[in-house]
Protein backbone atom coordinates (compact mmCIF):
# COMPACT_ATOMS: atom_id res chain seq x y z
CA MET A 1 -9.52 -12.05 -21.64
CA LEU A 2 -6.54 -14.18 -21.07
CA VAL A 3 -6.37 -15.93 -17.66
CA ILE A 4 -2.94 -17.14 -16.48
CA GLY A 5 -2.99 -19.67 -13.59
CA THR A 6 -0.89 -18.32 -10.69
CA GLU A 7 1.39 -21.27 -10.77
CA GLU A 8 2.26 -21.08 -14.71
CA PRO A 9 5.68 -20.35 -15.37
CA LEU A 10 4.91 -17.02 -17.10
CA ALA A 11 2.84 -15.73 -14.22
CA VAL A 12 5.64 -16.74 -11.78
CA ALA A 13 8.09 -14.86 -13.96
CA VAL A 14 5.90 -11.53 -14.27
CA VAL A 15 5.17 -11.46 -10.67
CA SER A 16 8.85 -11.79 -9.74
CA ALA A 17 9.70 -9.11 -12.36
CA ILE A 18 7.03 -6.83 -10.82
CA HIS A 19 8.12 -7.57 -7.12
CA SER A 20 11.64 -7.13 -7.90
CA GLY A 21 11.34 -4.04 -9.89
CA ASP A 22 13.06 -5.57 -12.70
CA GLN A 23 11.93 -3.50 -15.67
CA GLU A 24 14.05 -4.89 -18.30
CA THR A 25 12.76 -8.31 -17.44
CA LEU A 26 9.10 -6.88 -17.23
CA ARG A 27 9.50 -5.21 -20.67
CA ARG A 28 10.81 -8.36 -22.15
CA LEU A 29 8.20 -10.46 -20.93
CA LEU A 30 5.45 -7.80 -22.36
CA ALA A 31 7.16 -7.69 -25.76
CA GLU A 32 7.18 -11.63 -25.91
CA ASN A 33 3.61 -12.40 -24.57
CA PRO A 34 1.01 -10.28 -26.54
CA GLY A 35 -1.98 -9.68 -24.26
CA LEU A 36 0.14 -10.24 -21.22
CA ALA A 37 -0.43 -6.43 -19.93
CA THR A 38 -4.22 -6.92 -19.74
CA ALA A 39 -4.07 -10.83 -18.68
CA LEU A 40 -5.68 -11.77 -15.30
CA LEU A 41 -3.53 -14.14 -12.88
CA GLY A 42 -5.67 -16.35 -11.17
CA ASP A 43 -8.51 -19.14 -11.54
CA ASP A 44 -9.68 -20.22 -15.18
CA PRO A 45 -13.57 -19.35 -14.80
CA ASP A 46 -14.08 -22.17 -17.18
CA LYS A 47 -12.69 -25.02 -14.88
CA SER A 48 -15.06 -26.96 -12.58
CA ASP A 49 -12.63 -26.39 -9.51
CA SER A 50 -12.13 -22.78 -10.04
CA CYS A 51 -12.88 -20.26 -7.22
CA GLY A 52 -13.21 -17.39 -9.77
CA MET A 53 -10.76 -15.25 -8.24
CA SER A 54 -8.13 -13.18 -10.27
CA ARG A 55 -6.20 -9.96 -10.31
CA SER A 56 -4.43 -7.99 -12.94
CA LEU A 57 -0.76 -7.02 -13.22
CA LEU A 58 -1.41 -3.58 -11.95
CA HIS A 59 -2.94 -5.49 -8.73
CA VAL A 60 0.21 -7.19 -8.43
CA VAL A 61 2.13 -3.92 -8.20
CA THR A 62 -0.03 -2.74 -5.52
CA ASP A 63 -0.39 -6.16 -3.55
CA TRP A 64 0.13 -6.01 0.33
CA PRO A 65 2.34 -5.00 1.62
CA GLY A 66 3.14 -2.67 -1.31
CA HIS A 67 6.06 -0.37 -1.82
CA PHE A 68 7.79 -2.70 -4.34
CA PRO A 69 10.98 -1.20 -6.03
CA ASN A 70 10.37 0.89 -8.89
CA GLY A 71 6.67 0.64 -8.22
CA ALA A 72 5.67 3.87 -9.85
CA ALA A 73 7.91 2.97 -12.93
CA THR A 74 6.28 -0.39 -13.22
CA VAL A 75 2.79 1.21 -13.41
CA ALA A 76 3.89 3.39 -16.10
CA THR A 77 5.36 0.47 -18.00
CA LEU A 78 2.38 -1.78 -17.63
CA VAL A 79 0.02 1.04 -18.72
CA ALA A 80 2.16 1.82 -21.73
CA ALA A 81 1.75 -1.76 -22.78
CA GLY A 82 -2.15 -1.35 -22.54
CA ALA A 83 -2.92 -2.54 -18.88
CA ASP A 84 -6.44 -1.12 -17.53
CA VAL A 85 -5.74 1.19 -14.72
CA ASN A 86 -9.17 0.57 -13.51
CA ALA A 87 -9.13 -3.25 -13.70
CA ARG A 88 -11.11 -5.08 -11.15
CA PHE A 89 -10.13 -7.78 -8.86
CA THR A 90 -12.73 -10.58 -9.47
CA GLY A 91 -13.81 -12.50 -6.31
CA PRO A 92 -15.57 -11.60 -3.02
CA HIS A 93 -14.95 -7.90 -3.73
CA THR A 94 -14.14 -5.84 -6.86
CA GLU A 95 -11.25 -3.50 -6.01
CA THR A 96 -9.32 -1.70 -8.37
CA PRO A 97 -5.51 -1.30 -8.29
CA LEU A 98 -5.90 2.03 -6.48
CA HIS A 99 -8.05 0.67 -3.59
CA TRP A 100 -4.70 -1.94 -3.15
CA ALA A 101 -2.39 0.90 -3.25
CA ALA A 102 -4.45 2.72 -0.72
CA SER A 103 -4.78 -0.09 1.58
CA SER A 104 -0.82 -0.54 1.45
CA ASP A 105 -0.04 3.20 1.84
CA ASP A 106 1.88 3.22 -1.21
CA VAL A 107 1.66 6.77 -2.08
CA ALA A 108 4.23 6.82 -4.84
CA VAL A 109 2.24 4.04 -6.68
CA LEU A 110 -1.25 5.77 -5.81
CA ASP A 111 0.20 8.87 -7.51
CA ALA A 112 1.39 6.84 -10.76
CA LEU A 113 -2.06 5.31 -10.93
CA LEU A 114 -3.88 8.57 -10.59
CA ASP A 115 -1.36 10.28 -13.23
CA ALA A 116 -2.38 7.38 -15.48
CA GLY A 117 -6.06 8.08 -15.20
CA ALA A 118 -7.40 5.68 -12.12
CA ASP A 119 -10.72 6.70 -11.03
CA ILE A 120 -10.23 8.00 -7.42
CA GLU A 121 -14.00 7.45 -6.93
CA ALA A 122 -14.35 3.76 -7.91
CA THR A 123 -16.46 1.62 -5.83
CA GLY A 124 -15.80 -1.89 -4.79
CA ALA A 125 -13.67 -1.67 -1.63
CA VAL A 126 -13.53 -4.53 0.57
CA ILE A 127 -14.91 -2.04 3.18
CA GLY A 128 -18.49 -1.51 2.47
CA GLY A 129 -17.87 -1.74 -1.37
CA GLY A 130 -16.51 1.96 -0.88
CA THR A 131 -13.89 4.19 -2.50
CA PRO A 132 -10.01 3.77 -2.27
CA LEU A 133 -10.33 6.53 0.42
CA THR A 134 -12.59 4.01 2.27
CA ASP A 135 -10.05 1.40 2.48
CA ALA A 136 -7.39 3.78 3.43
CA VAL A 137 -9.19 5.07 6.30
CA ALA A 138 -10.43 1.78 7.60
CA PHE A 139 -6.96 0.45 7.43
CA ALA A 140 -5.34 3.44 9.06
CA GLN A 141 -3.23 4.27 6.13
CA TRP A 142 -3.17 7.79 6.70
CA ASN A 143 -0.32 8.96 4.16
CA ALA A 144 -2.57 7.33 1.24
CA ALA A 145 -5.67 8.91 2.70
CA ARG A 146 -4.48 12.22 3.07
CA ARG A 147 -2.94 11.97 -0.52
CA LEU A 148 -6.18 10.92 -2.04
CA VAL A 149 -7.92 13.81 -0.49
CA GLU A 150 -5.17 16.17 -1.63
CA ARG A 151 -5.89 14.46 -5.14
CA GLY A 152 -9.50 15.45 -4.87
CA ALA A 153 -11.28 12.40 -3.39
CA LYS A 154 -14.71 13.30 -2.17
CA THR A 155 -14.59 13.08 1.66
CA PRO A 156 -17.57 11.88 3.65
CA LEU A 157 -18.29 12.93 7.14
CA GLY A 158 -16.79 9.93 8.56
CA ASP A 159 -13.49 9.99 6.60
CA ALA A 160 -13.12 13.72 7.41
CA ALA A 161 -13.46 12.99 10.99
CA ALA A 162 -10.92 10.21 10.81
CA LEU A 163 -8.64 12.67 9.24
CA GLY A 164 -9.12 15.59 11.72
CA LEU A 165 -10.53 17.78 9.08
CA LEU A 166 -12.45 19.69 11.58
CA ASP A 167 -13.79 22.68 9.36
CA LEU A 168 -15.33 20.10 6.90
CA VAL A 169 -16.83 18.11 9.76
CA ALA A 170 -18.29 21.11 11.33
CA ALA A 171 -19.71 22.33 7.93
CA VAL A 172 -21.27 19.17 7.56
CA VAL A 173 -22.77 18.98 11.03
CA ALA A 174 -23.97 22.43 10.98
CA ARG A 175 -26.01 22.34 7.69
CA ASP A 176 -29.46 22.54 7.08
CA PRO A 177 -30.94 19.83 7.74
CA PRO A 178 -28.36 18.65 10.15
CA ALA A 179 -26.33 15.44 10.16
CA ALA A 180 -28.27 12.45 11.11
CA THR A 181 -27.51 11.35 14.66
CA GLU A 182 -26.22 7.93 13.17
CA ASP A 183 -23.70 9.75 11.00
CA ILE A 184 -22.44 11.93 13.89
CA ASN A 185 -21.95 8.67 16.09
CA HIS A 186 -20.22 7.08 13.05
CA ALA A 187 -17.88 10.17 12.67
CA PHE A 188 -17.03 10.15 16.23
CA TRP A 189 -16.14 6.39 16.11
CA LEU A 190 -13.85 7.26 13.15
CA ALA A 191 -12.37 10.38 14.88
CA CYS A 192 -11.34 7.91 17.78
CA HIS A 193 -10.06 5.22 15.24
CA GLY A 194 -7.93 8.21 13.75
CA GLY A 195 -6.57 9.61 17.05
CA GLN A 196 -8.23 12.98 16.24
CA ARG A 197 -9.06 14.24 19.55
CA SER A 198 -10.25 17.79 18.61
CA THR A 199 -12.68 16.54 16.20
CA ALA A 200 -13.79 14.02 18.51
CA GLU A 201 -14.36 16.74 21.15
CA TYR A 202 -16.54 18.74 18.65
CA LEU A 203 -18.53 15.52 17.60
CA LEU A 204 -19.14 14.60 21.41
CA SER A 205 -20.39 18.30 22.01
CA HIS A 206 -22.77 17.84 19.10
CA GLY A 207 -24.52 14.60 20.43
CA ALA A 208 -22.32 11.62 19.65
CA ASN A 209 -22.69 8.60 21.73
CA LEU A 210 -19.75 8.13 23.66
CA ASN A 211 -19.94 4.47 23.73
CA TRP A 212 -21.73 3.73 20.34
CA LEU A 213 -21.13 0.28 18.84
CA PRO A 214 -21.00 -0.09 15.18
CA THR A 215 -22.90 -2.89 13.58
CA TRP A 216 -19.71 -4.30 11.50
CA GLU A 217 -17.74 -4.88 14.97
CA ARG A 218 -18.08 -5.03 18.47
CA LEU A 219 -15.82 -2.21 19.27
CA THR A 220 -16.77 1.17 20.96
CA PRO A 221 -14.93 4.35 20.37
CA LEU A 222 -12.34 3.45 23.25
CA ASP A 223 -11.91 0.18 21.70
CA ALA A 224 -11.23 1.79 18.23
CA ALA A 225 -8.69 4.17 19.73
CA SER A 226 -7.03 1.33 21.65
CA ARG A 227 -6.55 -0.64 18.64
CA SER A 228 -4.83 2.41 17.01
CA ASN A 229 -2.59 3.02 19.98
CA ALA A 230 -3.93 6.48 20.27
CA ALA A 231 -2.80 7.01 23.91
CA GLU A 232 -3.97 10.79 24.14
CA MET A 233 -7.43 9.77 22.82
CA ILE A 234 -7.59 6.69 25.16
CA GLU A 235 -6.72 8.95 28.24
CA TRP A 236 -9.36 11.64 27.01
CA LEU A 237 -12.13 9.10 26.41
CA ARG A 238 -11.49 7.41 29.87
CA SER A 239 -11.83 10.91 31.60
CA ARG A 240 -15.09 11.30 29.88
CA GLY A 241 -16.51 8.07 31.04
CA ALA A 242 -15.90 5.95 28.08
CA ARG A 243 -15.95 2.25 28.18
CA ALA A 244 -14.80 -0.75 26.34
CA ALA A 245 -17.25 -2.97 24.61
CA ASP A 246 -16.56 -5.80 27.34
CA GLU A 247 -17.41 -3.18 30.20
CA LEU A 248 -20.97 -2.60 28.58
CA SER A 249 -23.83 -4.21 30.51
C-alpha cells in the first residue's frame, strides 16, 4: 500500500484538488500517478517517529467540515480510479469515509458513497466503535442520520429515540422480553439529546430514569437537552423535576 506523507507535494496537490472540487486536476493527478487512488495520506508505518495514522483520499472528501465543492462527483472520480469505498482510517479508530460523511452531515457525499457500495453497517465509529448512524446521532448530524435510516441502516433503540421514531421505539419497548432498564434509560437520554419530547415522554412513562447519568460523560438528560439547545425539551424536563449533573447530590 502506497503511503504518502501529508506534507509531500503530491499529497498537498491532491488534497487541494479534492477540497476545491477541481475535477480536471484530480483526474490528471490520478492518471499521472498510478496507485494514487488507493494511496493513504499520513505517516509511514516503517519510520521510527511514525504515529501510524493515515487516511484515504475518500476520507479527504469527507473530512470535517465536509460539503466541499463537487463532493459527490469527486467520490465518483476516485471510485472509478479504483479507490476503496470502505477504506479504513488507521489510528485510534477505524472509521470509513461513510462514517466521516455522516459526522459532517454531508448527505450528497453520503449518498454517493452508498451508491458506490459503501457498507452502511460498517463498524469502527469514533463513538463506541459503532456504525455511521452511531456517529451521526452522537454528533447531532440529523440530516445524515435520517438519510442513513432512509437508505436502510439498522436503527437500534437509542438511535430511534434520538430521531423521534416513536413507533419503532414503542415496538422495542413492548417486545417480549421487554427492553432492559439500562436500554430504556439510554434511549431516554438520546431522545433528550435529539429534542424528541414525545419519545422522551413515552420512555419516561415506561420507567426511564429522569436524571440518568451515562458512563461515557457526566451529563444528565437535562444537560444533553441543554447542549442541544432544545428549549422545549429543557422546559418539559424542568417541569418534571429533572436536574443537571452539577445539581445532583
